[in-house]
Amino acid sequence: MILHLALASDWAHAQTSGHYRVSTLGRTLDQEGFIHASTDLPQAEAVAARYYTAVTEPLLLLHIREDLLNCPVKHETPPGSDEIFPHIYGPIPVSAVTAVTPFRA
């Protein structure tokens, strides 16, 4: 299972289009080249604490089944980090998201 923090409005748009294409806060898949994700809840909580504290819109946690993605997932260590994060190199089909839960950091 892969986790991704999403704005509620971005998830609503994905449900209409059939694919989720937001990489991270304010950046699209096309801009970033991949979609940022987390391996577990503690990692997602740490990401939220670093980057999402000023967000006022409701946040959701997307639970994504890697085997339902039609694109590569690479587990990479970003520059300046010692943690490995899953990076999804393509759009996420809505059907690959098995659960959506409200997120509160």
Protein backbone atom coordinates (compact mmCIF):
# COMPACT_ATOMS: atom_id res chain seq x y z
CA MET A 1 0.00 0.00 0.00
CA ILE A 2 1.19 3.48 -0.89
CA LEU A 3 -0.18 6.64 0.74
CA HIS A 4 -0.60 10.09 -0.76
CA LEU A 5 -1.77 13.35 0.85
CA ALA A 6 -4.35 15.08 -1.33
CA LEU A 7 -6.42 18.23 -1.16
CA ALA A 8 -10.11 17.36 -1.15
CA SER A 9 -10.64 19.51 -4.28
CA ASP A 10 -7.88 17.68 -6.18
CA TRP A 11 -9.42 14.32 -5.31
CA ALA A 12 -12.86 15.57 -6.41
CA HIS A 13 -11.38 16.56 -9.77
CA ALA A 14 -9.76 13.12 -10.12
CA GLN A 15 -13.07 11.41 -9.54
CA THR A 16 -14.50 13.38 -12.46
CA SER A 17 -11.54 12.82 -14.80
CA GLY A 18 -10.77 9.22 -13.74
CA HIS A 19 -7.11 9.93 -12.90
CA TYR A 20 -5.28 11.76 -10.12
CA ARG A 21 -2.47 13.96 -11.48
CA VAL A 22 -1.25 16.11 -8.56
CA SER A 23 2.34 15.50 -7.51
CA THR A 24 2.44 17.47 -4.31
CA LEU A 25 1.07 20.69 -2.88
CA GLY A 26 0.76 23.15 -5.79
CA ARG A 27 2.61 20.98 -8.34
CA THR A 28 1.26 18.65 -10.99
CA LEU A 29 2.59 15.36 -12.31
CA ASP A 30 3.57 17.15 -15.52
CA GLN A 31 5.56 19.77 -13.59
CA GLU A 32 7.29 17.37 -11.18
CA GLY A 33 7.66 14.24 -13.32
CA PHE A 34 6.20 11.92 -10.66
CA ILE A 35 3.69 11.88 -7.82
CA HIS A 36 5.10 12.04 -4.30
CA ALA A 37 3.87 9.36 -1.91
CA SER A 38 4.63 7.76 1.45
CA THR A 39 5.25 4.21 2.58
CA ASP A 40 3.25 4.40 5.81
CA LEU A 41 1.24 6.68 8.08
CA PRO A 42 4.18 7.97 10.18
CA GLN A 43 6.00 9.00 6.99
CA ALA A 44 2.85 10.76 5.67
CA GLU A 45 2.41 12.54 9.01
CA ALA A 46 6.02 13.79 8.85
CA VAL A 47 5.48 15.07 5.29
CA ALA A 48 2.31 16.87 6.43
CA ALA A 49 4.18 18.46 9.33
CA ARG A 50 6.91 19.72 6.98
CA TYR A 51 4.87 20.92 4.01
CA TYR A 52 1.13 21.10 4.75
CA THR A 53 0.85 23.09 8.01
CA ALA A 54 -0.50 26.21 6.27
CA VAL A 55 -3.13 24.30 4.29
CA THR A 56 -6.66 25.24 5.31
CA GLU A 57 -8.53 23.07 2.81
CA PRO A 58 -9.47 19.58 4.00
CA LEU A 59 -6.73 17.01 3.45
CA LEU A 60 -7.34 13.40 2.52
CA LEU A 61 -5.12 10.36 2.66
CA LEU A 62 -5.34 8.26 -0.49
CA HIS A 63 -4.59 4.55 0.01
CA ILE A 64 -3.18 3.27 -3.29
CA ARG A 65 -2.60 -0.31 -4.38
CA GLU A 66 0.68 -0.39 -6.27
CA ASP A 67 -0.36 -3.45 -8.28
CA LEU A 68 -3.33 -1.50 -9.71
CA LEU A 69 -1.17 1.31 -11.10
CA ASN A 70 -0.35 1.27 -14.79
CA CYS A 71 2.98 3.02 -14.34
CA PRO A 72 6.32 2.51 -12.62
CA VAL A 73 6.81 3.16 -8.92
CA LYS A 74 10.37 3.86 -7.85
CA HIS A 75 11.44 3.86 -4.21
CA GLU A 76 13.95 6.71 -4.08
CA THR A 77 15.82 8.82 -1.59
CA PRO A 78 15.33 12.54 -2.35
CA PRO A 79 18.36 14.85 -2.20
CA GLY A 80 19.00 15.99 1.37
CA SER A 81 17.00 13.13 2.89
CA ASP A 82 17.91 9.77 4.36
CA GLU A 83 14.41 8.31 3.88
CA ILE A 84 13.14 6.30 0.96
CA PHE A 85 9.86 7.47 -0.59
CA PRO A 86 7.73 5.88 -3.30
CA HIS A 87 7.51 8.04 -6.43
CA ILE A 88 4.70 7.22 -8.84
CA TYR A 89 5.76 7.90 -12.44
CA GLY A 90 2.36 8.37 -14.01
CA PRO A 91 -1.23 9.29 -13.25
CA ILE A 92 -3.07 7.34 -10.57
CA PRO A 93 -6.25 5.69 -11.85
CA VAL A 94 -9.11 6.35 -9.44
CA SER A 95 -9.68 2.58 -9.41
CA ALA A 96 -6.21 2.08 -7.82
CA VAL A 97 -7.29 4.08 -4.77
CA THR A 98 -8.83 1.56 -2.40
CA ALA A 99 -9.65 3.92 0.45
CA VAL A 100 -9.83 7.65 1.10
CA THR A 101 -9.71 8.86 4.69
CA PRO A 102 -9.78 12.34 6.20
CA PHE A 103 -6.33 13.40 7.33
CA ARG A 104 -5.51 15.42 10.41
CA ALA A 105 -1.89 15.95 11.32
